[in-house]
């Protein structure tokens, strides 16, 4: 129980310091465009992979991750708003 309090305080500090949730934990399809477009490719792939796994129940392959990441980036840079979720992007 003692180990939970410091971890909770650390997470709260990160969240209140201006870091968004997706910078701290993998939020998958709930990741907002404003966060997704500033992440590096590795972090974007992690978010996309989680989103696809949550949706389909299986691990996505690399081609599916790459295609969906490109779709989400395109959506965020065109039709989406900063607060749009990447799950809203059209994808297979």
PDB file of N, CA and C in Angstrom:
ATOM      1  N   UNK A   1       0.801  -1.185   0.000  1.00  0.00           N
ATOM      2  CA  UNK A   1       0.000   0.000   0.000  1.00  0.00           C
ATOM      3  C   UNK A   1       0.853   1.261   0.000  1.00  0.00           C
ATOM      4  N   UNK A   2       2.002   1.209   0.681  1.00  0.00           N
ATOM      5  CA  UNK A   2       2.864   2.380   0.747  1.00  0.00           C
ATOM      6  C   UNK A   2       3.416   2.759  -0.609  1.00  0.00           C
ATOM      7  N   UNK A   3       3.610   1.774  -1.500  1.00  0.00           N
ATOM      8  CA  UNK A   3       4.160   2.050  -2.823  1.00  0.00           C
ATOM      9  C   UNK A   3       3.179   2.737  -3.748  1.00  0.00           C
ATOM     10  N   UNK A   4       1.905   2.620  -3.465  1.00  0.00           N
ATOM     11  CA  UNK A   4       0.876   3.206  -4.329  1.00  0.00           C
ATOM     12  C   UNK A   4       0.836   4.721  -4.187  1.00  0.00           C
ATOM     13  N   UNK A   5       0.976   5.229  -2.978  1.00  0.00           N
ATOM     14  CA  UNK A   5       0.886   6.672  -2.749  1.00  0.00           C
ATOM     15  C   UNK A   5       1.932   7.461  -3.524  1.00  0.00           C
ATOM     16  N   UNK A   6       3.226   7.078  -3.488  1.00  0.00           N
ATOM     17  CA  UNK A   6       4.204   7.844  -4.268  1.00  0.00           C
ATOM     18  C   UNK A   6       3.933   7.781  -5.776  1.00  0.00           C
ATOM     19  N   UNK A   7       3.500   6.624  -6.254  1.00  0.00           N
ATOM     20  CA  UNK A   7       3.200   6.501  -7.682  1.00  0.00           C
ATOM     21  C   UNK A   7       2.023   7.389  -8.060  1.00  0.00           C
ATOM     22  N   UNK A   8       1.012   7.407  -7.214  1.00  0.00           N
ATOM     23  CA  UNK A   8      -0.157   8.246  -7.468  1.00  0.00           C
ATOM     24  C   UNK A   8       0.228   9.725  -7.465  1.00  0.00           C
ATOM     25  N   UNK A   9       1.056  10.112  -6.537  1.00  0.00           N
ATOM     26  CA  UNK A   9       1.516  11.505  -6.465  1.00  0.00           C
ATOM     27  C   UNK A   9       2.330  11.864  -7.704  1.00  0.00           C
ATOM     28  N   UNK A  10       3.190  10.953  -8.142  1.00  0.00           N
ATOM     29  CA  UNK A  10       4.015  11.215  -9.326  1.00  0.00           C
ATOM     30  C   UNK A  10       3.156  11.376 -10.574  1.00  0.00           C
ATOM     31  N   UNK A  11       2.163  10.514 -10.736  1.00  0.00           N
ATOM     32  CA  UNK A  11       1.275  10.611 -11.903  1.00  0.00           C
ATOM     33  C   UNK A  11       0.476  11.905 -11.845  1.00  0.00           C
ATOM     34  N   UNK A  12      -0.047  12.239 -10.671  1.00  0.00           N
ATOM     35  CA  UNK A  12      -0.807  13.483 -10.517  1.00  0.00           C
ATOM     36  C   UNK A  12       0.066  14.689 -10.845  1.00  0.00           C
ATOM     37  N   UNK A  13       1.308  14.667 -10.393  1.00  0.00           N
ATOM     38  CA  UNK A  13       2.221  15.779 -10.667  1.00  0.00           C
ATOM     39  C   UNK A  13       2.454  15.935 -12.162  1.00  0.00           C
ATOM     40  N   UNK A  14       2.633  14.821 -12.855  1.00  0.00           N
ATOM     41  CA  UNK A  14       2.830  14.883 -14.308  1.00  0.00           C
ATOM     42  C   UNK A  14       1.597  15.432 -15.007  1.00  0.00           C
ATOM     43  N   UNK A  15       0.430  14.972 -14.588  1.00  0.00           N
ATOM     44  CA  UNK A  15      -0.808  15.419 -15.232  1.00  0.00           C
ATOM     45  C   UNK A  15      -1.065  16.900 -14.993  1.00  0.00           C
ATOM     46  N   UNK A  16      -0.761  17.374 -13.796  1.00  0.00           N
ATOM     47  CA  UNK A  16      -1.007  18.777 -13.491  1.00  0.00           C
ATOM     48  C   UNK A  16       0.116  19.692 -13.960  1.00  0.00           C
ATOM     49  N   UNK A  17       1.213  19.116 -14.413  1.00  0.00           N
ATOM     50  CA  UNK A  17       2.325  19.946 -14.876  1.00  0.00           C
ATOM     51  C   UNK A  17       2.183  20.325 -16.348  1.00  0.00           C
ATOM     52  N   UNK A  18       1.077  19.950 -16.945  1.00  0.00           N
ATOM     53  CA  UNK A  18       0.858  20.306 -18.335  1.00  0.00           C
ATOM     54  C   UNK A  18       1.058  19.150 -19.283  1.00  0.00           C
ATOM     55  N   UNK A  19       1.480  18.005 -18.808  1.00  0.00           N
ATOM     56  CA  UNK A  19       1.614  16.824 -19.647  1.00  0.00           C
ATOM     57  C   UNK A  19       0.234  16.230 -19.867  1.00  0.00           C
ATOM     58  N   UNK A  20      -0.050  15.827 -21.076  1.00  0.00           N
ATOM     59  CA  UNK A  20      -1.329  15.187 -21.326  1.00  0.00           C
ATOM     60  C   UNK A  20      -1.237  13.718 -20.959  1.00  0.00           C
ATOM     61  N   UNK A  21      -2.386  13.079 -20.820  1.00  0.00           N
ATOM     62  CA  UNK A  21      -2.430  11.672 -20.410  1.00  0.00           C
ATOM     63  C   UNK A  21      -1.675  10.784 -21.387  1.00  0.00           C
ATOM     64  N   UNK A  22      -1.760  11.066 -22.683  1.00  0.00           N
ATOM     65  CA  UNK A  22      -1.109  10.199 -23.663  1.00  0.00           C
ATOM     66  C   UNK A  22       0.410  10.318 -23.640  1.00  0.00           C
ATOM     67  N   UNK A  23       0.931  11.366 -23.006  1.00  0.00           N
ATOM     68  CA  UNK A  23       2.380  11.469 -22.854  1.00  0.00           C
ATOM     69  C   UNK A  23       2.864  10.628 -21.686  1.00  0.00           C
ATOM     70  N   UNK A  24       1.964  10.298 -20.772  1.00  0.00           N
ATOM     71  CA  UNK A  24       2.305   9.533 -19.589  1.00  0.00           C
ATOM     72  C   UNK A  24       1.975   8.060 -19.774  1.00  0.00           C
ATOM     73  N   UNK A  25       0.771   7.771 -20.273  1.00  0.00           N
ATOM     74  CA  UNK A  25       0.333   6.393 -20.500  1.00  0.00           C
ATOM     75  C   UNK A  25      -0.140   6.246 -21.936  1.00  0.00           C
ATOM     76  N   UNK A  26      -0.235   5.023 -22.377  1.00  0.00           N
ATOM     77  CA  UNK A  26      -0.703   4.740 -23.726  1.00  0.00           C
ATOM     78  C   UNK A  26      -2.224   4.777 -23.723  1.00  0.00           C
ATOM     79  N   UNK A  27      -2.809   5.815 -24.320  1.00  0.00           N
ATOM     80  CA  UNK A  27      -4.258   5.980 -24.307  1.00  0.00           C
ATOM     81  C   UNK A  27      -4.931   5.429 -25.556  1.00  0.00           C
ATOM     82  N   UNK A  28      -4.163   4.885 -26.488  1.00  0.00           N
ATOM     83  CA  UNK A  28      -4.749   4.247 -27.667  1.00  0.00           C
ATOM     84  C   UNK A  28      -5.622   5.195 -28.460  1.00  0.00           C
ATOM     85  N   UNK A  29      -6.824   4.741 -28.801  1.00  0.00           N
ATOM     86  CA  UNK A  29      -7.739   5.515 -29.636  1.00  0.00           C
ATOM     87  C   UNK A  29      -8.249   6.782 -29.002  1.00  0.00           C
ATOM     88  N   UNK A  30      -8.091   6.920 -27.684  1.00  0.00           N
ATOM     89  CA  UNK A  30      -8.517   8.140 -27.000  1.00  0.00           C
ATOM     90  C   UNK A  30      -7.484   9.259 -27.097  1.00  0.00           C
ATOM     91  N   UNK A  31      -6.355   8.973 -27.720  1.00  0.00           N
ATOM     92  CA  UNK A  31      -5.313   9.988 -27.894  1.00  0.00           C
ATOM     93  C   UNK A  31      -5.847  11.126 -28.757  1.00  0.00           C
ATOM     94  N   UNK A  32      -5.656  12.336 -28.304  1.00  0.00           N
ATOM     95  CA  UNK A  32      -6.131  13.494 -29.063  1.00  0.00           C
ATOM     96  C   UNK A  32      -5.130  13.858 -30.148  1.00  0.00           C
ATOM     97  N   UNK A  33      -5.648  14.415 -31.227  1.00  0.00           N
ATOM     98  CA  UNK A  33      -4.801  14.811 -32.356  1.00  0.00           C
ATOM     99  C   UNK A  33      -3.665  15.729 -31.929  1.00  0.00           C
ATOM    100  N   UNK A  34      -3.937  16.675 -31.018  1.00  0.00           N
ATOM    101  CA  UNK A  34      -2.891  17.619 -30.612  1.00  0.00           C
ATOM    102  C   UNK A  34      -1.710  16.898 -29.988  1.00  0.00           C
ATOM    103  N   UNK A  35      -1.960  15.765 -29.322  1.00  0.00           N
ATOM    104  CA  UNK A  35      -0.875  14.982 -28.730  1.00  0.00           C
ATOM    105  C   UNK A  35      -0.244  14.058 -29.773  1.00  0.00           C
ATOM    106  N   UNK A  36      -1.080  13.428 -30.569  1.00  0.00           N
ATOM    107  CA  UNK A  36      -0.613  12.451 -31.550  1.00  0.00           C
ATOM    108  C   UNK A  36       0.345  13.074 -32.560  1.00  0.00           C
ATOM    109  N   UNK A  37       0.028  14.263 -33.035  1.00  0.00           N
ATOM    110  CA  UNK A  37       0.858  14.888 -34.068  1.00  0.00           C
ATOM    111  C   UNK A  37       2.205  15.371 -33.540  1.00  0.00           C
ATOM    112  N   UNK A  38       2.354  15.476 -32.226  1.00  0.00           N
ATOM    113  CA  UNK A  38       3.634  15.900 -31.663  1.00  0.00           C
ATOM    114  C   UNK A  38       4.487  14.727 -31.172  1.00  0.00           C
ATOM    115  N   UNK A  39       3.933  13.515 -31.216  1.00  0.00           N
ATOM    116  CA  UNK A  39       4.673  12.332 -30.765  1.00  0.00           C
ATOM    117  C   UNK A  39       5.634  11.857 -31.844  1.00  0.00           C
ATOM    118  N   UNK A  40       6.674  11.144 -31.429  1.00  0.00           N
ATOM    119  CA  UNK A  40       7.561  10.534 -32.413  1.00  0.00           C
ATOM    120  C   UNK A  40       6.880   9.288 -32.994  1.00  0.00           C
ATOM    121  N   UNK A  41       7.441   8.770 -34.065  1.00  0.00           N
ATOM    122  CA  UNK A  41       6.816   7.651 -34.782  1.00  0.00           C
ATOM    123  C   UNK A  41       6.641   6.427 -33.889  1.00  0.00           C
ATOM    124  N   UNK A  42       7.607   6.164 -33.024  1.00  0.00           N
ATOM    125  CA  UNK A  42       7.530   4.998 -32.132  1.00  0.00           C
ATOM    126  C   UNK A  42       6.316   5.110 -31.205  1.00  0.00           C
ATOM    127  N   UNK A  43       6.126   6.277 -30.605  1.00  0.00           N
ATOM    128  CA  UNK A  43       4.995   6.485 -29.694  1.00  0.00           C
ATOM    129  C   UNK A  43       3.674   6.441 -30.456  1.00  0.00           C
ATOM    130  N   UNK A  44       3.648   7.012 -31.662  1.00  0.00           N
ATOM    131  CA  UNK A  44       2.434   6.943 -32.481  1.00  0.00           C
ATOM    132  C   UNK A  44       2.078   5.488 -32.781  1.00  0.00           C
ATOM    133  N   UNK A  45       3.093   4.690 -33.135  1.00  0.00           N
ATOM    134  CA  UNK A  45       2.845   3.278 -33.427  1.00  0.00           C
ATOM    135  C   UNK A  45       2.305   2.544 -32.207  1.00  0.00           C
ATOM    136  N   UNK A  46       2.789   2.899 -31.020  1.00  0.00           N
ATOM    137  CA  UNK A  46       2.293   2.284 -29.786  1.00  0.00           C
ATOM    138  C   UNK A  46       0.822   2.636 -29.564  1.00  0.00           C
ATOM    139  N   UNK A  47       0.475   3.897 -29.796  1.00  0.00           N
ATOM    140  CA  UNK A  47      -0.919   4.334 -29.631  1.00  0.00           C
ATOM    141  C   UNK A  47      -1.828   3.613 -30.632  1.00  0.00           C
ATOM    142  N   UNK A  48      -1.381   3.552 -31.883  1.00  0.00           N
ATOM    143  CA  UNK A  48      -2.162   2.891 -32.932  1.00  0.00           C
ATOM    144  C   UNK A  48      -2.300   1.400 -32.636  1.00  0.00           C
ATOM    145  N   UNK A  49      -1.212   0.769 -32.237  1.00  0.00           N
ATOM    146  CA  UNK A  49      -1.242  -0.658 -31.924  1.00  0.00           C
ATOM    147  C   UNK A  49      -2.244  -0.951 -30.815  1.00  0.00           C
ATOM    148  N   UNK A  50      -2.237  -0.138 -29.756  1.00  0.00           N
ATOM    149  CA  UNK A  50      -3.194  -0.331 -28.660  1.00  0.00           C
ATOM    150  C   UNK A  50      -4.616  -0.127 -29.148  1.00  0.00           C
ATOM    151  N   UNK A  51      -4.846   0.901 -29.948  1.00  0.00           N
ATOM    152  CA  UNK A  51      -6.182   1.175 -30.460  1.00  0.00           C
ATOM    153  C   UNK A  51      -6.697  -0.013 -31.273  1.00  0.00           C
ATOM    154  N   UNK A  52      -5.855  -0.530 -32.164  1.00  0.00           N
ATOM    155  CA  UNK A  52      -6.267  -1.651 -33.013  1.00  0.00           C
ATOM    156  C   UNK A  52      -6.480  -2.929 -32.196  1.00  0.00           C
ATOM    157  N   UNK A  53      -5.611  -3.157 -31.216  1.00  0.00           N
ATOM    158  CA  UNK A  53      -5.757  -4.343 -30.371  1.00  0.00           C
ATOM    159  C   UNK A  53      -7.042  -4.254 -29.550  1.00  0.00           C
ATOM    160  N   UNK A  54      -7.338  -3.077 -29.024  1.00  0.00           N
ATOM    161  CA  UNK A  54      -8.576  -2.887 -28.270  1.00  0.00           C
ATOM    162  C   UNK A  54      -9.799  -3.127 -29.154  1.00  0.00           C
ATOM    163  N   UNK A  55      -9.712  -2.691 -30.396  1.00  0.00           N
ATOM    164  CA  UNK A  55     -10.843  -2.815 -31.329  1.00  0.00           C
ATOM    165  C   UNK A  55     -11.027  -4.250 -31.804  1.00  0.00           C
ATOM    166  N   UNK A  56      -9.920  -4.909 -32.176  1.00  0.00           N
ATOM    167  CA  UNK A  56     -10.015  -6.228 -32.810  1.00  0.00           C
ATOM    168  C   UNK A  56      -9.739  -7.396 -31.875  1.00  0.00           C
ATOM    169  N   UNK A  57      -9.123  -7.131 -30.737  1.00  0.00           N
ATOM    170  CA  UNK A  57      -8.810  -8.196 -29.799  1.00  0.00           C
ATOM    171  C   UNK A  57      -7.562  -9.003 -30.135  1.00  0.00           C
ATOM    172  N   UNK A  58      -6.867  -8.609 -31.199  1.00  0.00           N
ATOM    173  CA  UNK A  58      -5.638  -9.303 -31.594  1.00  0.00           C
ATOM    174  C   UNK A  58      -4.547  -8.278 -31.875  1.00  0.00           C
ATOM    175  N   UNK A  59      -3.306  -8.759 -31.847  1.00  0.00           N
ATOM    176  CA  UNK A  59      -2.174  -7.886 -32.153  1.00  0.00           C
ATOM    177  C   UNK A  59      -2.189  -7.533 -33.645  1.00  0.00           C
ATOM    178  N   UNK A  60      -2.127  -6.254 -33.987  1.00  0.00           N
ATOM    179  CA  UNK A  60      -2.084  -5.865 -35.408  1.00  0.00           C
ATOM    180  C   UNK A  60      -0.699  -6.126 -36.000  1.00  0.00           C
ATOM    181  N   UNK A  61      -0.651  -6.329 -37.314  1.00  0.00           N
ATOM    182  CA  UNK A  61       0.645  -6.500 -37.971  1.00  0.00           C
ATOM    183  C   UNK A  61       1.223  -5.117 -38.314  1.00  0.00           C
ATOM    184  N   UNK A  62       2.490  -5.108 -38.701  1.00  0.00           N
ATOM    185  CA  UNK A  62       3.185  -3.837 -38.968  1.00  0.00           C
ATOM    186  C   UNK A  62       2.547  -3.035 -40.090  1.00  0.00           C
ATOM    187  N   UNK A  63       2.056  -3.706 -41.130  1.00  0.00           N
ATOM    188  CA  UNK A  63       1.435  -2.992 -42.244  1.00  0.00           C
ATOM    189  C   UNK A  63       0.147  -2.306 -41.784  1.00  0.00           C
ATOM    190  N   UNK A  64      -0.623  -2.998 -40.967  1.00  0.00           N
ATOM    191  CA  UNK A  64      -1.864  -2.421 -40.453  1.00  0.00           C
ATOM    192  C   UNK A  64      -1.572  -1.216 -39.557  1.00  0.00           C
ATOM    193  N   UNK A  65      -0.544  -1.319 -38.727  1.00  0.00           N
ATOM    194  CA  UNK A  65      -0.158  -0.207 -37.848  1.00  0.00           C
ATOM    195  C   UNK A  65       0.284   0.989 -38.689  1.00  0.00           C
ATOM    196  N   UNK A  66       1.134   0.754 -39.684  1.00  0.00           N
ATOM    197  CA  UNK A  66       1.642   1.848 -40.525  1.00  0.00           C
ATOM    198  C   UNK A  66       0.524   2.534 -41.296  1.00  0.00           C
ATOM    199  N   UNK A  67      -0.367   1.749 -41.889  1.00  0.00           N
ATOM    200  CA  UNK A  67      -1.467   2.317 -42.668  1.00  0.00           C
ATOM    201  C   UNK A  67      -2.418   3.119 -41.782  1.00  0.00           C
ATOM    202  N   UNK A  68      -2.705   2.601 -40.610  1.00  0.00           N
ATOM    203  CA  UNK A  68      -3.617   3.286 -39.692  1.00  0.00           C
ATOM    204  C   UNK A  68      -2.971   4.544 -39.127  1.00  0.00           C
ATOM    205  N   UNK A  69      -1.671   4.488 -38.853  1.00  0.00           N
ATOM    206  CA  UNK A  69      -0.958   5.677 -38.363  1.00  0.00           C
ATOM    207  C   UNK A  69      -1.009   6.790 -39.411  1.00  0.00           C
ATOM    208  N   UNK A  70      -0.767   6.439 -40.663  1.00  0.00           N
ATOM    209  CA  UNK A  70      -0.829   7.425 -41.743  1.00  0.00           C
ATOM    210  C   UNK A  70      -2.239   8.016 -41.865  1.00  0.00           C
ATOM    211  N   UNK A  71      -3.247   7.159 -41.750  1.00  0.00           N
ATOM    212  CA  UNK A  71      -4.633   7.620 -41.814  1.00  0.00           C
ATOM    213  C   UNK A  71      -4.939   8.584 -40.669  1.00  0.00           C
ATOM    214  N   UNK A  72      -4.491   8.236 -39.456  1.00  0.00           N
ATOM    215  CA  UNK A  72      -4.733   9.100 -38.300  1.00  0.00           C
ATOM    216  C   UNK A  72      -4.007  10.435 -38.446  1.00  0.00           C
ATOM    217  N   UNK A  73      -2.762  10.397 -38.920  1.00  0.00           N
ATOM    218  CA  UNK A  73      -2.010  11.646 -39.128  1.00  0.00           C
ATOM    219  C   UNK A  73      -2.694  12.537 -40.153  1.00  0.00           C
ATOM    220  N   UNK A  74      -3.116  11.942 -41.254  1.00  0.00           N
ATOM    221  CA  UNK A  74      -3.797  12.701 -42.305  1.00  0.00           C
ATOM    222  C   UNK A  74      -5.081  13.316 -41.769  1.00  0.00           C
ATOM    223  N   UNK A  75      -5.840  12.526 -41.030  1.00  0.00           N
ATOM    224  CA  UNK A  75      -7.087  13.014 -40.433  1.00  0.00           C
ATOM    225  C   UNK A  75      -6.812  14.183 -39.488  1.00  0.00           C
ATOM    226  N   UNK A  76      -5.834  14.011 -38.610  1.00  0.00           N
ATOM    227  CA  UNK A  76      -5.528  15.054 -37.627  1.00  0.00           C
ATOM    228  C   UNK A  76      -5.070  16.348 -38.287  1.00  0.00           C
ATOM    229  N   UNK A  77      -4.383  16.228 -39.404  1.00  0.00           N
ATOM    230  CA  UNK A  77      -3.853  17.419 -40.087  1.00  0.00           C
ATOM    231  C   UNK A  77      -4.845  18.056 -41.039  1.00  0.00           C
ATOM    232  N   UNK A  78      -5.983  17.386 -41.297  1.00  0.00           N
ATOM    233  CA  UNK A  78      -6.953  17.938 -42.250  1.00  0.00           C
ATOM    234  C   UNK A  78      -8.324  18.121 -41.597  1.00  0.00           C
ATOM    235  N   UNK A  79      -9.116  17.082 -41.539  1.00  0.00           N
ATOM    236  CA  UNK A  79     -10.506  17.167 -41.078  1.00  0.00           C
ATOM    237  C   UNK A  79     -10.646  17.223 -39.563  1.00  0.00           C
ATOM    238  N   UNK A  80      -9.701  16.655 -38.840  1.00  0.00           N
ATOM    239  CA  UNK A  80      -9.803  16.608 -37.392  1.00  0.00           C
ATOM    240  C   UNK A  80      -9.442  17.926 -36.741  1.00  0.00           C
ATOM    241  N   UNK A  81      -9.850  18.065 -35.494  1.00  0.00           N
ATOM    242  CA  UNK A  81      -9.468  19.228 -34.692  1.00  0.00           C
ATOM    243  C   UNK A  81      -8.404  18.781 -33.692  1.00  0.00           C
ATOM    244  N   UNK A  82      -7.848  19.710 -32.963  1.00  0.00           N
ATOM    245  CA  UNK A  82      -6.835  19.353 -31.972  1.00  0.00           C
ATOM    246  C   UNK A  82      -7.398  18.412 -30.913  1.00  0.00           C
ATOM    247  N   UNK A  83      -8.681  18.534 -30.628  1.00  0.00           N
ATOM    248  CA  UNK A  83      -9.301  17.700 -29.592  1.00  0.00           C
ATOM    249  C   UNK A  83      -9.972  16.445 -30.144  1.00  0.00           C
ATOM    250  N   UNK A  84      -9.891  16.219 -31.458  1.00  0.00           N
ATOM    251  CA  UNK A  84     -10.419  14.977 -32.036  1.00  0.00           C
ATOM    252  C   UNK A  84      -9.576  13.795 -31.554  1.00  0.00           C
ATOM    253  N   UNK A  85     -10.224  12.657 -31.394  1.00  0.00           N
ATOM    254  CA  UNK A  85      -9.511  11.448 -30.990  1.00  0.00           C
ATOM    255  C   UNK A  85      -9.061  10.704 -32.241  1.00  0.00           C
ATOM    256  N   UNK A  86      -7.920  10.046 -32.171  1.00  0.00           N
ATOM    257  CA  UNK A  86      -7.413   9.349 -33.353  1.00  0.00           C
ATOM    258  C   UNK A  86      -8.326   8.207 -33.758  1.00  0.00           C
ATOM    259  N   UNK A  87      -9.131   7.682 -32.846  1.00  0.00           N
ATOM    260  CA  UNK A  87     -10.082   6.625 -33.185  1.00  0.00           C
ATOM    261  C   UNK A  87     -11.159   7.113 -34.150  1.00  0.00           C
ATOM    262  N   UNK A  88     -11.343   8.435 -34.236  1.00  0.00           N
ATOM    263  CA  UNK A  88     -12.339   9.017 -35.135  1.00  0.00           C
ATOM    264  C   UNK A  88     -11.863   9.028 -36.585  1.00  0.00           C
ATOM    265  N   UNK A  89     -10.573   8.814 -36.788  1.00  0.00           N
ATOM    266  CA  UNK A  89     -10.017   8.803 -38.150  1.00  0.00           C
ATOM    267  C   UNK A  89     -10.533   7.578 -38.893  1.00  0.00           C
ATOM    268  N   UNK A  90     -10.847   7.733 -40.176  1.00  0.00           N
ATOM    269  CA  UNK A  90     -11.302   6.562 -40.936  1.00  0.00           C
ATOM    270  C   UNK A  90     -10.172   5.545 -41.073  1.00  0.00           C
ATOM    271  N   UNK A  91     -10.442   4.338 -40.657  1.00  0.00           N
ATOM    272  CA  UNK A  91      -9.464   3.252 -40.786  1.00  0.00           C
ATOM    273  C   UNK A  91     -10.211   1.931 -40.847  1.00  0.00           C
ATOM    274  N   UNK A  92      -9.546   0.931 -41.430  1.00  0.00           N
ATOM    275  CA  UNK A  92     -10.128  -0.398 -41.645  1.00  0.00           C
ATOM    276  C   UNK A  92     -10.589  -1.006 -40.404  1.00  0.00           C
TER     277      UNK A  92
END
